[in-house]
Amino acid sequence: MNPFLDYECFECIAKLAFYIGKLSSSGVEDALRKSSALVEGFARAALESLDDYVELSARIAEHVATVAGDPYAGIRKRSMEVAKRLLPAAERYVEEGGDPLRRAASVAAAANALDFATGVYSASLEAFEREFEGRLREPFAIDRVAELEEALKGAGSALYVLDNAGECVFDLPLVKLLSERCSVTVAARGAPVFNDATIEEAREAGLDRYAELTTTGCRVPGVSASRCSPEFLKLLARSDVVVLKGQGNFQSFADVAKVRSKPAFYLLVPKCGPVARYLEVPVGAKVALKK
């Protein structure tokens, strides 16, 4: 059974179809046609993959690419621009006190709360920055950062799986600290999928200064044991430490466990009721989970 399934998921799927239809269209008629085609495909995917979150999300992503191409390309670009302007504030936070690993993990988790796809552009950059800096100082609702610190002792390799574009800029302080302890590989999505980071955004963020870059090898907004490339799955299985960013990667934890015998660490902010209820934390809470 899909542990994240609830009635509100259907509302989100419908909203996604209409949002992408409008985002990728030149007029009302084109938007209506694309949205209708998206709803039709999403419904078929839900009926056939309702019990498997990862497969359902993979089929939705594939259908978006078929109907609308890469509608989030502009959003990813603007996300990177905003994030790079805010990165100095995040770096100051990491450097201004003790326990830099905890502070860098807080930066990475807090960045997951900021949805660059909607809402942010209507606010001033100053207001956005105030919100972000406030999030940095909030405590973790689930806190396994000390266990991450312990896992890094003696580790020879780490795999860090990215989530969104823009957000990946704020992964830089944590990836840098990881690289001081072991060899790090950073994995982005294998093809454009929603506003998730591709290897191009990972490189633009500067992550290649501290880590080898690779991809998951598939167009899935998470980790799929059946769709990711054999090379990525080997990294997932063999890396001494694995950190996965964001809600989509967390919702893939069952697939991660199929591949990896040791626990993995998840940094995220739950953005919807089903995930928050599963974690038993409020929507919007910062989470550093070992699972």
Protein backbone atom coordinates (compact mmCIF):
# COMPACT_ATOMS: atom_id res chain seq x y z
CA MET A 1 0.00 0.00 0.00
CA ASN A 2 1.22 3.50 -0.82
CA PRO A 3 1.98 4.97 2.63
CA PHE A 4 1.57 8.53 1.37
CA LEU A 5 -1.78 8.16 -0.37
CA ASP A 6 -4.68 10.33 0.78
CA TYR A 7 -7.67 12.11 -0.77
CA GLU A 8 -5.74 15.36 -1.07
CA CYS A 9 -3.28 13.64 -3.43
CA PHE A 10 -5.95 13.64 -6.13
CA GLU A 11 -6.49 17.37 -5.68
CA CYS A 12 -2.73 17.92 -6.08
CA ILE A 13 -2.62 15.81 -9.26
CA ALA A 14 -5.46 17.82 -10.78
CA LYS A 15 -3.84 21.14 -9.81
CA LEU A 16 -0.57 19.97 -11.33
CA ALA A 17 -2.26 19.19 -14.64
CA PHE A 18 -3.90 22.61 -14.89
CA TYR A 19 -0.77 24.44 -13.72
CA ILE A 20 1.49 22.73 -16.26
CA GLY A 21 -1.09 23.16 -19.01
CA LYS A 22 -1.13 26.90 -18.46
CA LEU A 23 2.62 27.14 -17.88
CA SER A 24 3.48 25.42 -21.16
CA SER A 25 0.83 26.96 -23.43
CA SER A 26 0.48 30.05 -25.57
CA GLY A 27 -3.26 30.57 -25.12
CA VAL A 28 -6.46 29.33 -23.50
CA GLU A 29 -7.30 26.68 -26.10
CA ASP A 30 -3.80 25.19 -26.07
CA ALA A 31 -3.77 25.21 -22.26
CA LEU A 32 -7.12 23.44 -22.09
CA ARG A 33 -6.01 20.76 -24.55
CA LYS A 34 -2.75 20.13 -22.70
CA SER A 35 -4.39 20.15 -19.27
CA SER A 36 -7.03 17.70 -20.46
CA ALA A 37 -4.38 15.39 -21.90
CA LEU A 38 -2.41 15.62 -18.65
CA VAL A 39 -5.46 14.82 -16.51
CA GLU A 40 -6.23 11.83 -18.72
CA GLY A 41 -2.70 10.45 -18.43
CA PHE A 42 -2.44 11.17 -14.71
CA ALA A 43 -5.70 9.32 -14.08
CA ARG A 44 -4.47 6.30 -16.04
CA ALA A 45 -1.20 6.31 -14.07
CA ALA A 46 -3.09 6.51 -10.78
CA LEU A 47 -5.40 3.63 -11.66
CA GLU A 48 -2.48 1.42 -12.66
CA SER A 49 0.15 2.42 -10.04
CA LEU A 50 -1.85 3.58 -7.04
CA ASP A 51 -0.06 1.26 -4.63
CA ASP A 52 3.46 2.40 -5.62
CA TYR A 53 4.37 6.05 -4.99
CA VAL A 54 7.63 5.95 -6.93
CA GLU A 55 6.15 4.29 -10.01
CA LEU A 56 3.18 6.65 -9.94
CA SER A 57 5.45 9.70 -9.78
CA ALA A 58 7.63 8.27 -12.56
CA ARG A 59 4.66 7.78 -14.86
CA ILE A 60 3.36 11.27 -14.11
CA ALA A 61 6.77 12.76 -14.92
CA GLU A 62 7.00 10.82 -18.18
CA HIS A 63 3.52 11.96 -19.21
CA VAL A 64 4.40 15.59 -18.50
CA ALA A 65 7.45 15.28 -20.75
CA THR A 66 5.36 13.73 -23.52
CA VAL A 67 2.59 16.33 -23.41
CA ALA A 68 4.43 19.50 -22.37
CA GLY A 69 8.18 18.92 -22.83
CA ASP A 70 10.14 20.73 -20.11
CA PRO A 71 7.74 23.38 -18.80
CA TYR A 72 9.83 24.15 -15.69
CA ALA A 73 13.02 25.20 -17.50
CA GLY A 74 12.39 28.89 -16.83
CA ILE A 75 11.50 28.24 -13.21
CA ARG A 76 14.74 26.33 -12.67
CA LYS A 77 16.70 29.22 -14.16
CA ARG A 78 15.03 31.84 -11.96
CA SER A 79 15.41 29.57 -8.93
CA MET A 80 19.15 29.42 -9.45
CA GLU A 81 19.40 33.20 -9.76
CA VAL A 82 17.51 33.80 -6.51
CA ALA A 83 19.43 31.11 -4.61
CA LYS A 84 22.85 32.40 -5.66
CA ARG A 85 21.93 35.83 -4.36
CA LEU A 86 20.97 34.33 -0.99
CA LEU A 87 23.88 31.89 -0.64
CA PRO A 88 26.18 34.38 1.19
CA ALA A 89 23.61 34.63 4.02
CA ALA A 90 23.56 30.84 4.32
CA GLU A 91 27.36 30.65 4.32
CA ARG A 92 27.57 33.31 7.05
CA TYR A 93 25.16 31.27 9.17
CA VAL A 94 27.31 28.14 8.82
CA GLU A 95 30.49 30.03 9.72
CA GLU A 96 29.22 32.21 12.56
CA GLY A 97 28.96 29.54 15.27
CA GLY A 98 30.09 26.11 16.40
CA ASP A 99 29.07 22.77 14.93
CA PRO A 100 29.30 23.66 11.24
CA LEU A 101 27.94 20.29 10.09
CA ARG A 102 24.70 20.84 12.02
CA ARG A 103 24.41 24.38 10.66
CA ALA A 104 25.07 23.23 7.10
CA ALA A 105 22.43 20.50 7.50
CA SER A 106 20.04 23.15 8.77
CA VAL A 107 20.72 25.27 5.68
CA ALA A 108 20.08 22.30 3.39
CA ALA A 109 16.85 21.36 5.16
CA ALA A 110 15.57 24.94 5.41
CA ALA A 111 16.12 25.41 1.67
CA ASN A 112 13.72 22.53 1.03
CA ALA A 113 10.94 24.61 2.58
CA LEU A 114 11.26 27.36 -0.01
CA ASP A 115 9.17 26.57 -3.07
CA PHE A 116 10.69 28.57 -5.90
CA ALA A 117 8.02 27.40 -8.34
CA THR A 118 5.14 29.49 -6.96
CA GLY A 119 4.68 32.59 -4.84
CA VAL A 120 8.28 33.70 -4.37
CA TYR A 121 8.43 36.04 -7.34
CA SER A 122 5.56 38.21 -6.11
CA ALA A 123 7.51 39.00 -2.92
CA SER A 124 10.55 41.20 -2.67
CA LEU A 125 13.94 39.54 -2.45
CA GLU A 126 14.43 41.17 0.96
CA ALA A 127 11.24 39.56 2.32
CA PHE A 128 12.26 36.22 0.87
CA GLU A 129 15.68 36.49 2.50
CA ARG A 130 14.14 37.31 5.89
CA GLU A 131 11.98 34.19 5.65
CA PHE A 132 14.95 32.02 4.75
CA GLU A 133 17.23 33.31 7.51
CA GLY A 134 14.46 32.74 10.04
CA ARG A 135 14.08 29.16 8.89
CA LEU A 136 17.78 28.52 9.45
CA ARG A 137 17.43 29.05 13.17
CA GLU A 138 14.40 26.82 13.70
CA PRO A 139 15.20 23.52 15.45
CA PHE A 140 14.77 20.17 13.75
CA ALA A 141 11.51 18.41 14.58
CA ILE A 142 13.33 15.12 13.93
CA ASP A 143 17.04 15.42 14.60
CA ARG A 144 19.51 12.71 13.57
CA VAL A 145 22.35 15.07 12.69
CA ALA A 146 24.55 13.66 15.47
CA GLU A 147 24.14 10.20 13.91
CA LEU A 148 25.16 11.60 10.54
CA GLU A 149 28.25 13.06 12.19
CA GLU A 150 29.03 9.68 13.71
CA ALA A 151 28.48 7.84 10.41
CA LEU A 152 31.04 10.10 8.73
CA LYS A 153 33.81 8.99 11.10
CA GLY A 154 35.97 6.64 9.11
CA ALA A 155 33.74 6.87 6.03
CA GLY A 156 35.52 6.63 2.70
CA SER A 157 32.64 7.65 0.44
CA ALA A 158 29.38 9.58 0.51
CA LEU A 159 26.52 9.92 -1.97
CA TYR A 160 24.41 13.09 -1.88
CA VAL A 161 21.17 13.03 -3.91
CA LEU A 162 19.80 16.44 -4.89
CA ASP A 163 16.20 17.66 -4.97
CA ASN A 164 15.22 20.99 -6.54
CA ALA A 165 17.10 23.50 -8.65
CA GLY A 166 17.85 26.65 -6.68
CA GLU A 167 17.69 24.58 -3.53
CA CYS A 168 20.81 22.73 -4.71
CA VAL A 169 22.80 25.95 -4.31
CA PHE A 170 22.14 25.73 -0.57
CA ASP A 171 23.48 22.15 -0.53
CA LEU A 172 26.92 23.58 -1.25
CA PRO A 173 28.02 24.19 2.40
CA LEU A 174 27.07 20.66 3.46
CA VAL A 175 28.65 19.00 0.41
CA LYS A 176 31.82 21.02 1.05
CA LEU A 177 32.00 19.78 4.65
CA LEU A 178 31.35 16.20 3.57
CA SER A 179 34.18 16.47 1.04
CA GLU A 180 36.60 17.34 3.85
CA ARG A 181 35.91 13.94 5.41
CA CYS A 182 35.53 11.58 2.47
CA SER A 183 35.08 11.27 -1.28
CA VAL A 184 31.67 12.65 -2.32
CA THR A 185 29.46 11.98 -5.34
CA VAL A 186 26.48 14.28 -5.97
CA ALA A 187 23.60 12.88 -8.01
CA ALA A 188 21.07 15.00 -9.88
CA ARG A 189 18.06 13.80 -11.89
CA GLY A 190 18.81 11.96 -15.10
CA ALA A 191 16.49 14.15 -17.19
CA PRO A 192 14.44 17.32 -16.64
CA VAL A 193 11.57 16.56 -14.28
CA PHE A 194 9.49 19.38 -12.78
CA ASN A 195 11.77 21.89 -11.00
CA ASP A 196 14.25 19.23 -9.84
CA ALA A 197 17.97 19.87 -10.33
CA THR A 198 19.67 18.38 -13.35
CA ILE A 199 23.42 17.94 -13.65
CA GLU A 200 23.56 21.35 -15.38
CA GLU A 201 22.16 23.09 -12.28
CA ALA A 202 24.44 21.04 -10.02
CA ARG A 203 27.43 22.27 -12.02
CA GLU A 204 26.12 25.85 -12.04
CA ALA A 205 25.78 25.67 -8.25
CA GLY A 206 29.50 24.87 -7.99
CA LEU A 207 29.01 21.42 -6.51
CA ASP A 208 31.61 20.01 -8.90
CA ARG A 209 34.27 21.87 -6.89
CA TYR A 210 33.79 19.44 -4.02
CA ALA A 211 32.25 16.32 -5.53
CA GLU A 212 32.05 14.15 -8.59
CA LEU A 213 28.76 14.78 -10.40
CA THR A 214 26.51 12.07 -11.75
CA THR A 215 22.80 11.45 -12.31
CA THR A 216 20.22 8.96 -11.17
CA GLY A 217 19.92 7.90 -14.80
CA CYS A 218 16.17 8.33 -15.02
CA ARG A 219 13.34 10.87 -15.19
CA VAL A 220 11.91 10.23 -11.73
CA PRO A 221 11.45 12.89 -8.99
CA GLY A 222 12.92 10.46 -6.48
CA VAL A 223 14.78 7.16 -6.43
CA SER A 224 13.48 4.15 -8.32
CA ALA A 225 15.01 0.71 -7.78
CA SER A 226 13.72 -0.39 -11.19
CA ARG A 227 14.35 2.75 -13.28
CA CYS A 228 17.59 4.31 -11.99
CA SER A 229 20.78 3.40 -13.82
CA PRO A 230 22.88 0.42 -12.66
CA GLU A 231 25.78 2.82 -12.01
CA PHE A 232 23.69 4.97 -9.68
CA LEU A 233 22.24 1.95 -7.89
CA LYS A 234 25.76 0.65 -7.25
CA LEU A 235 26.69 4.00 -5.69
CA LEU A 236 23.55 3.91 -3.58
CA ALA A 237 24.33 0.40 -2.36
CA ARG A 238 28.06 0.81 -1.74
CA SER A 239 28.55 4.36 -0.42
CA ASP A 240 29.43 4.47 3.25
CA VAL A 241 27.11 7.44 3.86
CA VAL A 242 24.06 8.42 1.81
CA VAL A 243 22.18 11.72 2.20
CA LEU A 244 19.00 12.33 0.20
CA LYS A 245 17.39 15.75 -0.05
CA GLY A 246 13.74 16.63 -0.24
CA GLN A 247 10.28 15.14 0.04
CA GLY A 248 10.34 13.23 -3.25
CA ASN A 249 13.52 11.41 -2.30
CA PHE A 250 12.10 10.63 1.14
CA GLN A 251 8.94 9.24 -0.39
CA SER A 252 11.25 6.82 -2.21
CA PHE A 253 12.65 5.33 1.00
CA ALA A 254 11.19 1.88 0.29
CA ASP A 255 13.04 1.77 -3.05
CA VAL A 256 16.23 2.98 -1.37
CA ALA A 257 15.91 0.14 1.14
CA LYS A 258 15.57 -2.39 -1.69
CA VAL A 259 19.04 -1.40 -2.88
CA ARG A 260 20.86 -0.36 0.29
CA SER A 261 21.40 -2.60 3.32
CA LYS A 262 22.58 0.23 5.60
CA PRO A 263 20.41 3.19 6.68
CA ALA A 264 20.32 6.45 4.73
CA PHE A 265 19.83 10.02 5.93
CA TYR A 266 17.01 12.25 4.67
CA LEU A 267 16.93 16.05 4.95
CA LEU A 268 13.55 17.57 4.13
CA VAL A 269 10.58 19.69 5.02
CA PRO A 270 7.21 17.90 4.65
CA LYS A 271 5.02 20.02 2.38
CA CYS A 272 1.78 18.06 2.51
CA GLY A 273 -0.49 16.34 5.03
CA PRO A 274 0.22 12.70 4.10
CA VAL A 275 4.00 13.05 4.50
CA ALA A 276 3.71 15.13 7.67
CA ARG A 277 1.34 12.60 9.20
CA TYR A 278 3.63 9.73 8.30
CA LEU A 279 6.53 11.52 10.01
CA GLU A 280 4.29 12.70 12.88
CA VAL A 281 5.52 16.30 12.53
CA PRO A 282 3.78 19.51 11.40
CA VAL A 283 3.77 20.53 7.74
CA GLY A 284 6.78 22.80 7.26
CA ALA A 285 8.91 21.29 10.04
CA LYS A 286 12.61 20.67 9.44
CA VAL A 287 13.52 16.99 9.44
CA ALA A 288 16.86 15.18 9.60
CA LEU A 289 15.87 11.52 9.53
CA LYS A 290 17.82 8.27 9.55
CA LYS A 291 15.90 5.42 7.92
